[in-house]
Amino acid sequence: MTLLCRGALVLGAKGGYIKVSKKKHSTTQPLLLSVADVAVKLGVCRQTVYNFIYHEGLPTVQVGRIRRVHPDSLEDWIRGHEHQIA
């Protein structure tokens, strides 16, 4: 299969175009974590993270309508809740 680039589209061998994402992935850790990122780190679902935010006091930063969690705040919050886990 021969591919010829044309901007964000790639021409396949059969003449059809395929959209290609040229999104660059950073190798640095993001400054803020998404709710989904926090869920993965904690091994829970996103709804559980929202419950932690609204009912358990997990600190967040609101960017427009999106909630983000600072990694240090997450670690501090976990440390503060260690006695409840045991």
C-alpha atoms as a PDB file:
ATOM      1  CA  MET A   1       0.000   0.000   0.000  1.00  0.00           C
ATOM      2  CA  THR A   2       1.595   3.258  -1.134  1.00  0.00           C
ATOM      3  CA  LEU A   3       0.660   6.363   0.823  1.00  0.00           C
ATOM      4  CA  LEU A   4       1.082   9.885  -0.537  1.00  0.00           C
ATOM      5  CA  CYS A   5       0.606  12.743   1.909  1.00  0.00           C
ATOM      6  CA  ARG A   6      -1.634  15.685   1.056  1.00  0.00           C
ATOM      7  CA  GLY A   7      -1.890  17.875   4.152  1.00  0.00           C
ATOM      8  CA  ALA A   8      -4.009  16.108   6.766  1.00  0.00           C
ATOM      9  CA  LEU A   9      -5.266  13.507   4.249  1.00  0.00           C
ATOM     10  CA  VAL A  10      -3.379  10.465   3.024  1.00  0.00           C
ATOM     11  CA  LEU A  11      -4.051   8.892  -0.358  1.00  0.00           C
ATOM     12  CA  GLY A  12      -4.246   5.115  -0.088  1.00  0.00           C
ATOM     13  CA  ALA A  13      -3.292   2.620  -2.801  1.00  0.00           C
ATOM     14  CA  LYS A  14      -6.916   2.196  -3.884  1.00  0.00           C
ATOM     15  CA  GLY A  15      -7.377   5.925  -4.462  1.00  0.00           C
ATOM     16  CA  GLY A  16      -9.363   6.645  -1.276  1.00  0.00           C
ATOM     17  CA  TYR A  17      -8.338   9.268   1.230  1.00  0.00           C
ATOM     18  CA  ILE A  18      -7.715   8.500   4.871  1.00  0.00           C
ATOM     19  CA  LYS A  19      -7.677  11.221   7.520  1.00  0.00           C
ATOM     20  CA  VAL A  20      -4.521  11.246   9.594  1.00  0.00           C
ATOM     21  CA  SER A  21      -4.037  12.852  12.962  1.00  0.00           C
ATOM     22  CA  LYS A  22      -0.773  14.720  13.308  1.00  0.00           C
ATOM     23  CA  LYS A  23      -1.385  15.415  16.982  1.00  0.00           C
ATOM     24  CA  LYS A  24       1.865  15.638  18.869  1.00  0.00           C
ATOM     25  CA  HIS A  25       1.920  13.912  22.210  1.00  0.00           C
ATOM     26  CA  SER A  26       3.957  15.612  24.876  1.00  0.00           C
ATOM     27  CA  THR A  27       6.380  13.535  26.894  1.00  0.00           C
ATOM     28  CA  THR A  28       6.008  15.829  29.897  1.00  0.00           C
ATOM     29  CA  GLN A  29       3.390  15.267  32.568  1.00  0.00           C
ATOM     30  CA  PRO A  30       0.394  17.607  32.242  1.00  0.00           C
ATOM     31  CA  LEU A  31       0.062  20.371  34.827  1.00  0.00           C
ATOM     32  CA  LEU A  32      -3.533  19.366  35.610  1.00  0.00           C
ATOM     33  CA  LEU A  33      -5.245  15.973  35.419  1.00  0.00           C
ATOM     34  CA  SER A  34      -8.641  15.348  33.847  1.00  0.00           C
ATOM     35  CA  VAL A  35     -11.365  13.528  35.771  1.00  0.00           C
ATOM     36  CA  ALA A  36     -10.696  10.504  33.548  1.00  0.00           C
ATOM     37  CA  ASP A  37      -6.961  10.641  34.388  1.00  0.00           C
ATOM     38  CA  VAL A  38      -7.769  10.721  38.108  1.00  0.00           C
ATOM     39  CA  ALA A  39     -10.154   7.777  37.694  1.00  0.00           C
ATOM     40  CA  VAL A  40      -7.403   5.724  36.034  1.00  0.00           C
ATOM     41  CA  LYS A  41      -4.878   6.630  38.743  1.00  0.00           C
ATOM     42  CA  LEU A  42      -7.312   5.663  41.517  1.00  0.00           C
ATOM     43  CA  GLY A  43      -8.717   2.605  39.734  1.00  0.00           C
ATOM     44  CA  VAL A  44     -12.303   3.864  39.903  1.00  0.00           C
ATOM     45  CA  CYS A  45     -14.874   5.115  37.392  1.00  0.00           C
ATOM     46  CA  ARG A  46     -15.331   8.792  36.466  1.00  0.00           C
ATOM     47  CA  GLN A  47     -18.600   9.032  38.419  1.00  0.00           C
ATOM     48  CA  THR A  48     -16.766   7.997  41.596  1.00  0.00           C
ATOM     49  CA  VAL A  49     -14.264  10.815  41.012  1.00  0.00           C
ATOM     50  CA  TYR A  50     -17.162  13.280  40.661  1.00  0.00           C
ATOM     51  CA  ASN A  51     -18.570  11.924  43.934  1.00  0.00           C
ATOM     52  CA  PHE A  52     -15.177  12.543  45.546  1.00  0.00           C
ATOM     53  CA  ILE A  53     -15.239  16.109  44.189  1.00  0.00           C
ATOM     54  CA  TYR A  54     -18.790  16.976  45.256  1.00  0.00           C
ATOM     55  CA  HIS A  55     -19.102  14.967  48.485  1.00  0.00           C
ATOM     56  CA  GLU A  56     -15.601  14.151  49.739  1.00  0.00           C
ATOM     57  CA  GLY A  57     -13.838  17.448  49.087  1.00  0.00           C
ATOM     58  CA  LEU A  58     -11.402  16.460  46.325  1.00  0.00           C
ATOM     59  CA  PRO A  59      -9.994  19.855  45.259  1.00  0.00           C
ATOM     60  CA  THR A  60     -10.362  20.874  41.622  1.00  0.00           C
ATOM     61  CA  VAL A  61      -9.602  23.768  39.335  1.00  0.00           C
ATOM     62  CA  GLN A  62     -12.426  24.758  37.026  1.00  0.00           C
ATOM     63  CA  VAL A  63     -11.345  25.804  33.536  1.00  0.00           C
ATOM     64  CA  GLY A  64     -14.524  27.009  31.869  1.00  0.00           C
ATOM     65  CA  ARG A  65     -16.909  24.093  32.286  1.00  0.00           C
ATOM     66  CA  ILE A  66     -14.122  21.535  32.673  1.00  0.00           C
ATOM     67  CA  ARG A  67     -12.802  20.332  36.041  1.00  0.00           C
ATOM     68  CA  ARG A  68      -9.141  19.514  36.460  1.00  0.00           C
ATOM     69  CA  VAL A  69      -7.183  18.192  39.442  1.00  0.00           C
ATOM     70  CA  HIS A  70      -3.656  19.251  40.331  1.00  0.00           C
ATOM     71  CA  PRO A  71      -1.500  16.127  40.936  1.00  0.00           C
ATOM     72  CA  ASP A  72      -0.196  17.522  44.251  1.00  0.00           C
ATOM     73  CA  SER A  73      -3.760  18.208  45.428  1.00  0.00           C
ATOM     74  CA  LEU A  74      -4.718  14.633  44.556  1.00  0.00           C
ATOM     75  CA  GLU A  75      -1.789  13.239  46.559  1.00  0.00           C
ATOM     76  CA  ASP A  76      -2.586  15.493  49.547  1.00  0.00           C
ATOM     77  CA  TRP A  77      -6.260  14.504  49.404  1.00  0.00           C
ATOM     78  CA  ILE A  78      -5.339  10.805  49.353  1.00  0.00           C
ATOM     79  CA  ARG A  79      -2.997  11.253  52.333  1.00  0.00           C
ATOM     80  CA  GLY A  80      -5.756  13.051  54.223  1.00  0.00           C
ATOM     81  CA  HIS A  81      -8.130  10.140  53.625  1.00  0.00           C
ATOM     82  CA  GLU A  82      -5.707   7.291  54.434  1.00  0.00           C
ATOM     83  CA  HIS A  83      -7.106   6.798  57.935  1.00  0.00           C
ATOM     84  CA  GLN A  84     -10.591   6.217  56.476  1.00  0.00           C
ATOM     85  CA  ILE A  85      -9.335   3.508  54.118  1.00  0.00           C
ATOM     86  CA  ALA A  86      -7.697   1.319  56.776  1.00  0.00           C
END
